[in-house]
N, C-alpha and C. Protein backbone atom coordinates (compact mmCIF):
# COMPACT_ATOMS: atom_id res chain seq x y z
N MET A 1 -44.57 80.97 191.35
CA MET A 1 -43.98 79.73 190.91
C MET A 1 -43.38 79.00 192.10
N LYS A 2 -43.60 77.70 192.16
CA LYS A 2 -43.12 76.88 193.27
C LYS A 2 -41.60 76.75 193.21
N ASP A 3 -40.96 76.93 194.37
CA ASP A 3 -39.50 76.82 194.44
C ASP A 3 -39.13 75.35 194.61
N ASN A 4 -38.48 74.78 193.62
CA ASN A 4 -38.10 73.37 193.67
C ASN A 4 -36.69 73.17 194.20
N TYR A 5 -35.99 74.24 194.48
CA TYR A 5 -34.62 74.13 194.94
C TYR A 5 -34.54 74.34 196.44
N GLY A 6 -33.77 73.47 197.11
CA GLY A 6 -33.47 73.66 198.52
C GLY A 6 -32.22 74.51 198.65
N ILE A 7 -31.81 74.71 199.91
CA ILE A 7 -30.61 75.51 200.17
C ILE A 7 -29.39 74.90 199.51
N ASP A 8 -29.21 73.56 199.61
CA ASP A 8 -28.06 72.91 198.99
C ASP A 8 -28.05 73.11 197.48
N ASP A 9 -29.23 72.99 196.88
CA ASP A 9 -29.33 73.16 195.44
C ASP A 9 -29.00 74.60 195.03
N GLN A 10 -29.48 75.56 195.83
CA GLN A 10 -29.17 76.96 195.54
C GLN A 10 -27.67 77.20 195.65
N HIS A 11 -27.06 76.55 196.63
CA HIS A 11 -25.61 76.69 196.83
C HIS A 11 -24.86 76.14 195.62
N ILE A 12 -25.27 74.99 195.12
CA ILE A 12 -24.62 74.38 193.95
C ILE A 12 -24.80 75.26 192.72
N ILE A 13 -26.00 75.78 192.54
CA ILE A 13 -26.27 76.66 191.39
C ILE A 13 -25.42 77.92 191.49
N ALA A 14 -25.35 78.49 192.70
CA ALA A 14 -24.53 79.70 192.89
C ALA A 14 -23.06 79.39 192.65
N GLN A 15 -22.59 78.23 193.11
CA GLN A 15 -21.19 77.85 192.89
C GLN A 15 -20.89 77.72 191.40
N LYS A 16 -21.81 77.11 190.66
CA LYS A 16 -21.62 76.98 189.21
C LYS A 16 -21.54 78.35 188.55
N LYS A 17 -22.40 79.25 188.98
CA LYS A 17 -22.42 80.60 188.41
C LYS A 17 -21.11 81.32 188.72
N VAL A 18 -20.62 81.19 189.96
CA VAL A 18 -19.37 81.84 190.36
C VAL A 18 -18.21 81.27 189.55
N LYS A 19 -18.17 79.96 189.35
CA LYS A 19 -17.11 79.35 188.54
C LYS A 19 -17.15 79.87 187.12
N ALA A 20 -18.37 80.03 186.59
CA ALA A 20 -18.51 80.56 185.23
C ALA A 20 -18.01 82.00 185.16
N ILE A 21 -18.35 82.81 186.16
CA ILE A 21 -17.89 84.21 186.20
C ILE A 21 -16.37 84.25 186.30
N LYS A 22 -15.81 83.42 187.17
CA LYS A 22 -14.36 83.37 187.34
C LYS A 22 -13.69 82.94 186.04
N GLY A 23 -14.27 81.98 185.35
CA GLY A 23 -13.74 81.55 184.07
C GLY A 23 -13.72 82.67 183.05
N PHE A 24 -14.79 83.47 183.04
CA PHE A 24 -14.85 84.60 182.12
C PHE A 24 -13.78 85.63 182.47
N TYR A 25 -13.63 85.95 183.75
CA TYR A 25 -12.61 86.92 184.17
C TYR A 25 -11.21 86.43 183.79
N THR A 26 -10.96 85.14 183.96
CA THR A 26 -9.66 84.57 183.58
C THR A 26 -9.44 84.71 182.08
N HIS A 27 -10.48 84.41 181.30
CA HIS A 27 -10.41 84.55 179.85
C HIS A 27 -10.09 85.99 179.47
N ALA A 28 -10.74 86.94 180.12
CA ALA A 28 -10.49 88.36 179.84
C ALA A 28 -9.07 88.74 180.23
N LEU A 29 -8.58 88.21 181.35
CA LEU A 29 -7.22 88.51 181.79
C LEU A 29 -6.19 87.96 180.81
N VAL A 30 -6.43 86.77 180.31
CA VAL A 30 -5.51 86.17 179.35
C VAL A 30 -5.39 87.07 178.12
N THR A 31 -6.47 87.73 177.75
CA THR A 31 -6.49 88.61 176.59
C THR A 31 -5.42 89.70 176.70
N ILE A 32 -5.25 90.22 177.90
CA ILE A 32 -4.28 91.29 178.13
C ILE A 32 -2.86 90.84 177.76
N PHE A 33 -2.59 89.55 177.95
CA PHE A 33 -1.25 89.03 177.67
C PHE A 33 -1.12 88.45 176.27
N ILE A 34 -2.14 87.77 175.81
CA ILE A 34 -2.02 87.02 174.56
C ILE A 34 -2.02 87.93 173.33
N VAL A 35 -2.82 88.99 173.34
CA VAL A 35 -2.91 89.87 172.16
C VAL A 35 -1.56 90.56 171.89
N PRO A 36 -0.93 91.19 172.90
CA PRO A 36 0.39 91.79 172.62
C PRO A 36 1.42 90.73 172.20
N PHE A 37 1.33 89.53 172.76
CA PHE A 37 2.25 88.45 172.38
C PHE A 37 2.10 88.13 170.90
N TRP A 38 0.86 88.01 170.41
CA TRP A 38 0.64 87.74 168.99
C TRP A 38 1.18 88.85 168.12
N ILE A 39 0.93 90.09 168.52
CA ILE A 39 1.38 91.23 167.71
C ILE A 39 2.90 91.25 167.64
N ILE A 40 3.56 91.10 168.77
CA ILE A 40 5.03 91.10 168.79
C ILE A 40 5.57 89.92 167.97
N LEU A 41 5.00 88.74 168.18
CA LEU A 41 5.44 87.56 167.44
C LEU A 41 5.28 87.77 165.94
N ASN A 42 4.14 88.29 165.53
CA ASN A 42 3.88 88.54 164.11
C ASN A 42 4.85 89.56 163.53
N LEU A 43 5.04 90.68 164.23
CA LEU A 43 5.91 91.73 163.70
C LEU A 43 7.38 91.33 163.69
N GLU A 44 7.76 90.42 164.57
CA GLU A 44 9.14 89.94 164.60
C GLU A 44 9.40 88.87 163.54
N THR A 45 8.41 88.02 163.29
CA THR A 45 8.63 86.88 162.38
C THR A 45 8.17 87.14 160.95
N ALA A 46 7.07 87.85 160.76
CA ALA A 46 6.54 88.09 159.41
C ALA A 46 5.91 89.48 159.34
N PRO A 47 6.71 90.54 159.41
CA PRO A 47 6.13 91.89 159.46
C PRO A 47 5.38 92.29 158.19
N GLN A 48 5.64 91.62 157.08
CA GLN A 48 4.96 91.97 155.84
C GLN A 48 3.50 91.52 155.81
N PHE A 49 3.11 90.56 156.67
CA PHE A 49 1.73 90.08 156.70
C PHE A 49 1.21 90.14 158.13
N HIS A 50 0.21 90.95 158.38
CA HIS A 50 -0.33 91.13 159.73
C HIS A 50 -1.43 90.11 160.01
N TRP A 51 -1.00 88.88 160.26
CA TRP A 51 -1.96 87.82 160.55
C TRP A 51 -2.58 87.97 161.93
N TYR A 52 -1.98 88.75 162.81
CA TYR A 52 -2.50 88.88 164.18
C TYR A 52 -3.93 89.40 164.20
N TRP A 53 -4.35 90.14 163.15
CA TRP A 53 -5.73 90.62 163.12
C TRP A 53 -6.73 89.47 163.11
N PHE A 54 -6.42 88.42 162.39
CA PHE A 54 -7.31 87.25 162.35
C PHE A 54 -7.41 86.60 163.73
N ALA A 55 -6.26 86.49 164.38
CA ALA A 55 -6.24 85.90 165.72
C ALA A 55 -7.03 86.77 166.70
N ILE A 56 -6.86 88.09 166.61
CA ILE A 56 -7.57 89.00 167.52
C ILE A 56 -9.07 88.93 167.28
N ILE A 57 -9.49 88.93 166.02
CA ILE A 57 -10.93 88.85 165.72
C ILE A 57 -11.51 87.54 166.25
N GLY A 58 -10.80 86.45 166.05
CA GLY A 58 -11.26 85.16 166.58
C GLY A 58 -11.34 85.17 168.10
N TRP A 59 -10.33 85.77 168.73
CA TRP A 59 -10.30 85.84 170.19
C TRP A 59 -11.46 86.68 170.74
N VAL A 60 -11.69 87.84 170.10
CA VAL A 60 -12.79 88.72 170.53
C VAL A 60 -14.13 88.01 170.37
N LEU A 61 -14.28 87.29 169.27
CA LEU A 61 -15.51 86.51 169.07
C LEU A 61 -15.67 85.47 170.18
N GLY A 62 -14.57 84.81 170.53
CA GLY A 62 -14.59 83.83 171.62
C GLY A 62 -14.97 84.46 172.95
N ILE A 63 -14.42 85.64 173.23
CA ILE A 63 -14.73 86.35 174.48
C ILE A 63 -16.21 86.73 174.50
N PHE A 64 -16.72 87.20 173.36
CA PHE A 64 -18.13 87.57 173.29
C PHE A 64 -19.02 86.36 173.54
N ILE A 65 -18.70 85.24 172.93
CA ILE A 65 -19.49 84.02 173.14
C ILE A 65 -19.41 83.58 174.59
N HIS A 66 -18.22 83.70 175.19
CA HIS A 66 -18.05 83.36 176.61
C HIS A 66 -18.91 84.29 177.47
N TRP A 67 -18.87 85.60 177.19
CA TRP A 67 -19.69 86.56 177.93
C TRP A 67 -21.17 86.21 177.78
N LEU A 68 -21.57 85.87 176.57
CA LEU A 68 -22.96 85.52 176.31
C LEU A 68 -23.39 84.34 177.18
N GLY A 69 -22.52 83.34 177.27
CA GLY A 69 -22.83 82.16 178.08
C GLY A 69 -22.90 82.46 179.57
N VAL A 70 -22.07 83.37 180.03
CA VAL A 70 -22.01 83.66 181.47
C VAL A 70 -23.04 84.71 181.88
N PHE A 71 -23.16 85.78 181.10
CA PHE A 71 -24.02 86.90 181.49
C PHE A 71 -25.17 87.17 180.52
N GLY A 72 -24.93 87.01 179.24
CA GLY A 72 -25.85 87.48 178.22
C GLY A 72 -27.18 86.75 178.14
N PHE A 73 -27.18 85.42 178.26
CA PHE A 73 -28.43 84.67 178.12
C PHE A 73 -29.42 85.03 179.22
N GLU A 74 -28.90 85.31 180.41
CA GLU A 74 -29.76 85.72 181.52
C GLU A 74 -30.49 87.01 181.18
N ARG A 75 -29.76 87.91 180.52
CA ARG A 75 -30.35 89.20 180.15
C ARG A 75 -31.34 89.06 178.99
N MET A 76 -31.28 87.93 178.30
CA MET A 76 -32.19 87.71 177.17
C MET A 76 -33.43 86.91 177.55
N GLY A 77 -33.61 86.67 178.83
CA GLY A 77 -34.83 85.98 179.26
C GLY A 77 -34.61 84.55 179.71
N PHE A 78 -33.39 84.04 179.57
CA PHE A 78 -33.10 82.69 180.05
C PHE A 78 -32.63 82.80 181.50
N SER A 79 -33.54 83.21 182.37
CA SER A 79 -33.20 83.48 183.76
C SER A 79 -33.22 82.20 184.59
N LYS A 80 -32.99 82.35 185.89
CA LYS A 80 -33.01 81.21 186.81
C LYS A 80 -34.40 80.58 186.86
N GLU A 81 -35.45 81.39 186.74
CA GLU A 81 -36.80 80.82 186.74
C GLU A 81 -36.99 79.90 185.55
N TRP A 82 -36.47 80.32 184.39
CA TRP A 82 -36.57 79.49 183.20
C TRP A 82 -35.79 78.19 183.41
N GLU A 83 -34.56 78.31 183.97
CA GLU A 83 -33.75 77.12 184.25
C GLU A 83 -34.47 76.21 185.24
N GLN A 84 -35.07 76.80 186.26
CA GLN A 84 -35.78 76.04 187.28
C GLN A 84 -36.93 75.26 186.66
N LYS A 85 -37.67 75.90 185.80
CA LYS A 85 -38.80 75.25 185.15
C LYS A 85 -38.33 74.07 184.29
N LYS A 86 -37.26 74.29 183.51
CA LYS A 86 -36.71 73.23 182.67
C LYS A 86 -36.17 72.09 183.53
N PHE A 87 -35.50 72.45 184.62
CA PHE A 87 -34.95 71.44 185.52
C PHE A 87 -36.07 70.57 186.08
N SER A 88 -37.18 71.21 186.50
CA SER A 88 -38.32 70.47 187.05
C SER A 88 -38.94 69.56 186.01
N GLU A 89 -38.98 70.02 184.77
CA GLU A 89 -39.51 69.18 183.69
C GLU A 89 -38.66 67.94 183.49
N ILE A 90 -37.35 68.11 183.60
CA ILE A 90 -36.44 66.99 183.35
C ILE A 90 -36.35 66.06 184.55
N VAL A 91 -36.12 66.61 185.74
CA VAL A 91 -35.90 65.80 186.94
C VAL A 91 -37.21 65.46 187.64
N GLY A 92 -38.15 66.38 187.61
CA GLY A 92 -39.41 66.18 188.32
C GLY A 92 -39.36 66.82 189.69
N ASP A 93 -40.46 66.68 190.44
CA ASP A 93 -40.55 67.30 191.76
C ASP A 93 -40.23 66.34 192.89
N ASP A 94 -39.85 65.12 192.56
CA ASP A 94 -39.57 64.10 193.56
C ASP A 94 -38.36 64.51 194.41
N LYS A 95 -38.57 64.61 195.75
CA LYS A 95 -37.51 65.06 196.65
C LYS A 95 -36.31 64.10 196.64
N LYS A 96 -36.58 62.81 196.53
CA LYS A 96 -35.51 61.82 196.51
C LYS A 96 -34.63 62.01 195.26
N SER A 97 -35.27 62.30 194.14
CA SER A 97 -34.52 62.56 192.90
C SER A 97 -33.64 63.79 193.06
N MET A 98 -34.19 64.81 193.73
CA MET A 98 -33.44 66.05 193.93
C MET A 98 -32.22 65.80 194.82
N GLU A 99 -32.38 65.05 195.92
CA GLU A 99 -31.26 64.76 196.81
C GLU A 99 -30.20 63.94 196.09
N SER A 100 -30.64 62.97 195.31
CA SER A 100 -29.72 62.16 194.53
C SER A 100 -28.96 63.02 193.54
N PHE A 101 -29.68 63.94 192.91
CA PHE A 101 -29.07 64.85 191.95
C PHE A 101 -28.01 65.71 192.64
N THR A 102 -28.31 66.23 193.83
CA THR A 102 -27.37 67.07 194.57
C THR A 102 -26.09 66.31 194.90
N GLN A 103 -26.24 65.08 195.40
CA GLN A 103 -25.07 64.26 195.73
C GLN A 103 -24.24 63.97 194.49
N GLU A 104 -24.92 63.69 193.39
CA GLU A 104 -24.23 63.41 192.14
C GLU A 104 -23.47 64.65 191.66
N GLN A 105 -24.07 65.83 191.81
CA GLN A 105 -23.42 67.07 191.41
C GLN A 105 -22.14 67.30 192.22
N LEU A 106 -22.22 67.07 193.54
CA LEU A 106 -21.04 67.24 194.38
C LEU A 106 -19.93 66.27 193.96
N TYR A 107 -20.29 65.04 193.67
CA TYR A 107 -19.32 64.04 193.22
C TYR A 107 -18.69 64.48 191.89
N ILE A 108 -19.52 64.95 190.97
CA ILE A 108 -19.04 65.39 189.66
C ILE A 108 -18.08 66.57 189.82
N GLN A 109 -18.40 67.51 190.71
CA GLN A 109 -17.52 68.66 190.94
C GLN A 109 -16.16 68.22 191.49
N ALA A 110 -16.18 67.29 192.45
CA ALA A 110 -14.92 66.80 193.03
C ALA A 110 -14.10 66.07 191.97
N LYS A 111 -14.76 65.26 191.17
CA LYS A 111 -14.07 64.52 190.11
C LYS A 111 -13.50 65.48 189.07
N LYS A 112 -14.25 66.50 188.72
CA LYS A 112 -13.80 67.49 187.74
C LYS A 112 -12.57 68.23 188.26
N ARG A 113 -12.58 68.62 189.53
CA ARG A 113 -11.44 69.34 190.12
C ARG A 113 -10.20 68.45 190.10
N THR A 114 -10.36 67.18 190.43
CA THR A 114 -9.24 66.24 190.41
C THR A 114 -8.67 66.14 189.00
N LYS A 115 -9.55 66.07 188.00
CA LYS A 115 -9.09 66.00 186.61
C LYS A 115 -8.37 67.27 186.19
N GLU A 116 -8.85 68.43 186.66
CA GLU A 116 -8.19 69.70 186.35
C GLU A 116 -6.76 69.71 186.88
N ILE A 117 -6.57 69.27 188.12
CA ILE A 117 -5.24 69.26 188.73
C ILE A 117 -4.34 68.27 188.00
N LYS A 118 -4.86 67.08 187.74
CA LYS A 118 -4.10 66.06 187.01
C LYS A 118 -3.73 66.58 185.62
N GLY A 119 -4.68 67.22 184.95
CA GLY A 119 -4.43 67.77 183.62
C GLY A 119 -3.33 68.81 183.61
N PHE A 120 -3.28 69.63 184.66
CA PHE A 120 -2.22 70.62 184.75
C PHE A 120 -0.85 69.95 184.84
N PHE A 121 -0.72 68.96 185.71
CA PHE A 121 0.58 68.31 185.88
C PHE A 121 1.01 67.54 184.63
N ILE A 122 0.06 66.93 183.94
CA ILE A 122 0.38 66.26 182.67
C ILE A 122 0.85 67.31 181.66
N HIS A 123 0.15 68.43 181.59
CA HIS A 123 0.52 69.52 180.69
C HIS A 123 1.92 70.02 181.01
N LEU A 124 2.22 70.19 182.30
CA LEU A 124 3.53 70.67 182.72
C LEU A 124 4.64 69.73 182.25
N VAL A 125 4.46 68.43 182.45
CA VAL A 125 5.47 67.44 182.03
C VAL A 125 5.64 67.47 180.52
N ILE A 126 4.55 67.52 179.79
CA ILE A 126 4.61 67.55 178.32
C ILE A 126 5.33 68.81 177.85
N GLU A 127 5.06 69.95 178.48
CA GLU A 127 5.71 71.20 178.09
C GLU A 127 7.22 71.15 178.37
N ILE A 128 7.61 70.59 179.50
CA ILE A 128 9.05 70.49 179.82
C ILE A 128 9.76 69.64 178.78
N VAL A 129 9.18 68.49 178.44
CA VAL A 129 9.77 67.62 177.43
C VAL A 129 9.79 68.32 176.07
N SER A 130 8.68 69.00 175.73
CA SER A 130 8.59 69.70 174.44
C SER A 130 9.62 70.81 174.33
N ILE A 131 9.81 71.56 175.40
CA ILE A 131 10.81 72.64 175.38
C ILE A 131 12.20 72.06 175.14
N ALA A 132 12.52 70.97 175.82
CA ALA A 132 13.83 70.35 175.63
C ALA A 132 14.02 69.90 174.18
N ILE A 133 12.98 69.33 173.58
CA ILE A 133 13.06 68.86 172.19
C ILE A 133 13.23 70.03 171.23
N VAL A 134 12.44 71.10 171.42
CA VAL A 134 12.52 72.27 170.54
C VAL A 134 13.91 72.91 170.62
N VAL A 135 14.43 73.08 171.83
CA VAL A 135 15.75 73.68 171.99
C VAL A 135 16.81 72.79 171.33
N TYR A 136 16.72 71.49 171.53
CA TYR A 136 17.69 70.56 170.93
C TYR A 136 17.65 70.65 169.40
N ILE A 137 16.45 70.60 168.82
CA ILE A 137 16.31 70.66 167.36
C ILE A 137 16.88 71.97 166.83
N ASN A 138 16.56 73.07 167.48
CA ASN A 138 17.08 74.37 167.04
C ASN A 138 18.60 74.41 167.07
N LEU A 139 19.18 74.02 168.20
CA LEU A 139 20.63 74.10 168.36
C LEU A 139 21.37 73.08 167.49
N LYS A 140 20.72 71.99 167.19
CA LYS A 140 21.34 70.95 166.37
C LYS A 140 21.35 71.34 164.88
N PHE A 141 20.22 71.85 164.39
CA PHE A 141 20.08 72.07 162.95
C PHE A 141 20.28 73.52 162.50
N THR A 142 19.95 74.48 163.33
CA THR A 142 20.16 75.90 162.97
C THR A 142 20.73 76.65 164.17
N PRO A 143 21.96 76.34 164.53
CA PRO A 143 22.54 76.95 165.73
C PRO A 143 22.80 78.46 165.61
N ASP A 144 22.81 78.97 164.39
CA ASP A 144 23.08 80.40 164.22
C ASP A 144 21.88 81.28 164.53
N PHE A 145 20.68 80.71 164.44
CA PHE A 145 19.45 81.48 164.68
C PHE A 145 18.65 80.80 165.79
N HIS A 146 18.51 81.47 166.90
CA HIS A 146 17.81 80.90 168.06
C HIS A 146 16.31 81.19 168.00
N TRP A 147 15.63 80.50 167.11
CA TRP A 147 14.19 80.66 166.95
C TRP A 147 13.41 79.96 168.05
N PHE A 148 14.08 79.11 168.82
CA PHE A 148 13.37 78.34 169.86
C PHE A 148 12.71 79.24 170.89
N TRP A 149 13.18 80.49 171.02
CA TRP A 149 12.60 81.39 172.01
C TRP A 149 11.11 81.63 171.76
N TYR A 150 10.69 81.69 170.50
CA TYR A 150 9.28 81.95 170.20
C TYR A 150 8.37 80.83 170.69
N PRO A 151 8.63 79.57 170.30
CA PRO A 151 7.75 78.52 170.83
C PRO A 151 7.89 78.33 172.34
N VAL A 152 9.10 78.52 172.87
CA VAL A 152 9.30 78.36 174.31
C VAL A 152 8.49 79.41 175.08
N MET A 153 8.50 80.66 174.59
CA MET A 153 7.70 81.70 175.26
C MET A 153 6.21 81.35 175.20
N GLY A 154 5.77 80.85 174.05
CA GLY A 154 4.37 80.44 173.92
C GLY A 154 4.02 79.30 174.88
N MET A 155 4.93 78.33 174.99
CA MET A 155 4.68 77.19 175.89
C MET A 155 4.67 77.63 177.35
N ILE A 156 5.56 78.53 177.70
CA ILE A 156 5.60 79.03 179.08
C ILE A 156 4.32 79.82 179.38
N LEU A 157 3.90 80.64 178.43
CA LEU A 157 2.63 81.37 178.60
C LEU A 157 1.46 80.40 178.76
N ALA A 158 1.43 79.36 177.94
CA ALA A 158 0.35 78.38 178.01
C ALA A 158 0.31 77.70 179.38
N ILE A 159 1.48 77.30 179.88
CA ILE A 159 1.52 76.62 181.17
C ILE A 159 1.17 77.60 182.29
N PHE A 160 1.58 78.87 182.16
CA PHE A 160 1.23 79.88 183.16
C PHE A 160 -0.28 80.07 183.22
N PHE A 161 -0.93 80.19 182.06
CA PHE A 161 -2.37 80.39 182.05
C PHE A 161 -3.12 79.15 182.53
N HIS A 162 -2.57 77.99 182.25
CA HIS A 162 -3.18 76.75 182.77
C HIS A 162 -3.06 76.74 184.29
N TRP A 163 -1.88 77.08 184.80
CA TRP A 163 -1.70 77.15 186.26
C TRP A 163 -2.65 78.18 186.86
N LEU A 164 -2.76 79.33 186.18
CA LEU A 164 -3.65 80.39 186.66
C LEU A 164 -5.08 79.88 186.76
N GLY A 165 -5.52 79.15 185.76
CA GLY A 165 -6.88 78.62 185.75
C GLY A 165 -7.12 77.58 186.83
N VAL A 166 -6.11 76.77 187.13
CA VAL A 166 -6.29 75.68 188.10
C VAL A 166 -5.98 76.12 189.52
N PHE A 167 -4.89 76.86 189.73
CA PHE A 167 -4.45 77.21 191.08
C PHE A 167 -4.34 78.70 191.36
N GLY A 168 -3.97 79.47 190.37
CA GLY A 168 -3.49 80.83 190.59
C GLY A 168 -4.50 81.92 190.75
N VAL A 169 -5.77 81.66 190.47
CA VAL A 169 -6.74 82.76 190.54
C VAL A 169 -6.87 83.31 191.95
N SER A 170 -6.56 82.51 192.96
CA SER A 170 -6.65 83.02 194.33
C SER A 170 -5.62 84.13 194.55
N LYS A 171 -4.51 84.07 193.84
CA LYS A 171 -3.47 85.11 193.95
C LYS A 171 -3.97 86.44 193.39
N LEU A 172 -4.99 86.39 192.54
CA LEU A 172 -5.53 87.61 191.93
C LEU A 172 -6.81 88.08 192.62
N GLY A 173 -7.13 87.46 193.76
CA GLY A 173 -8.32 87.85 194.49
C GLY A 173 -9.58 87.13 194.05
N LEU A 174 -9.44 86.10 193.22
CA LEU A 174 -10.60 85.33 192.77
C LEU A 174 -10.55 83.91 193.31
N GLY A 175 -10.03 83.74 194.52
CA GLY A 175 -9.90 82.42 195.13
C GLY A 175 -11.15 81.98 195.86
N LYS A 176 -10.97 81.05 196.78
CA LYS A 176 -12.10 80.45 197.51
C LYS A 176 -12.88 81.48 198.31
N GLU A 177 -12.18 82.45 198.91
CA GLU A 177 -12.88 83.47 199.71
C GLU A 177 -13.81 84.28 198.80
N TRP A 178 -13.29 84.67 197.64
CA TRP A 178 -14.11 85.42 196.69
C TRP A 178 -15.29 84.57 196.22
N GLU A 179 -15.01 83.30 195.93
CA GLU A 179 -16.08 82.40 195.49
C GLU A 179 -17.19 82.30 196.53
N GLU A 180 -16.79 82.11 197.80
CA GLU A 180 -17.79 81.97 198.86
C GLU A 180 -18.61 83.25 199.03
N ARG A 181 -17.93 84.41 198.99
CA ARG A 181 -18.67 85.68 199.07
C ARG A 181 -19.65 85.81 197.92
N LYS A 182 -19.20 85.45 196.72
CA LYS A 182 -20.04 85.58 195.53
C LYS A 182 -21.21 84.59 195.59
N VAL A 183 -20.96 83.36 196.08
CA VAL A 183 -22.03 82.36 196.23
C VAL A 183 -23.09 82.89 197.18
N LYS A 184 -22.66 83.41 198.35
CA LYS A 184 -23.62 83.96 199.32
C LYS A 184 -24.40 85.13 198.72
N GLU A 185 -23.69 85.97 197.97
CA GLU A 185 -24.34 87.11 197.33
C GLU A 185 -25.42 86.63 196.35
N LEU A 186 -25.09 85.62 195.54
CA LEU A 186 -26.06 85.12 194.57
C LEU A 186 -27.24 84.43 195.25
N ILE A 187 -26.98 83.69 196.34
CA ILE A 187 -28.07 83.04 197.07
C ILE A 187 -28.96 84.09 197.71
N ASN A 188 -28.36 85.12 198.34
CA ASN A 188 -29.15 86.20 198.95
C ASN A 188 -29.97 86.94 197.91
N LYS A 189 -29.36 87.21 196.77
CA LYS A 189 -30.07 87.90 195.69
C LYS A 189 -31.24 87.06 195.21
N ASN A 190 -31.03 85.75 195.08
CA ASN A 190 -32.08 84.83 194.63
C ASN A 190 -33.19 84.74 195.67
N THR A 191 -32.83 84.72 196.96
CA THR A 191 -33.81 84.66 198.03
C THR A 191 -34.63 85.94 198.10
N ILE A 192 -33.97 87.09 197.96
CA ILE A 192 -34.69 88.38 198.03
C ILE A 192 -35.64 88.53 196.86
N THR A 193 -35.24 88.13 195.66
CA THR A 193 -36.13 88.32 194.49
C THR A 193 -37.32 87.39 194.52
N LYS A 194 -37.28 86.31 195.31
CA LYS A 194 -38.40 85.38 195.37
C LYS A 194 -39.46 85.82 196.37
N ARG A 195 -39.10 86.76 197.24
CA ARG A 195 -40.06 87.20 198.28
C ARG A 195 -41.10 88.11 197.70
């Protein structure tokens, strides 16, 4: 089969794959924190009804679907060759179209990253305001019972995981260095299998 991808295109494809893998790892890591949080929250607030099982089943289903999207479809025959063939059908073999596509992909990635950072800061501001409102409402109307801790803990967890997704993965060893190593590994693997 004719290789329609240049080095830049292989790099972009590998980068997308690495981002997808990193997203899955982040999703799996969040599971470690969110499941015990649900169980504790449920047992503290409504111990007579174990609703956390529904949340856990939904979460596990979500993780499975995420795994399927990142790793599973490749194992089912939707490999890079299949993607390459579909890509060629859609874009064609025109080199100018391919270069234009590559430049557009780089622009889209930069724009997406900017939106991710902006989204985090908007989320942070909204959470700070929301926490202040929740604490005020609790202390104003039911000062004897400090229920505000439950939503505040949830909001703090949400902002932490958002930060982790946008900035913090490098602290866990999944930063730019890991991405670059993984991109090179995927490109080398792709080059070796084509020989």
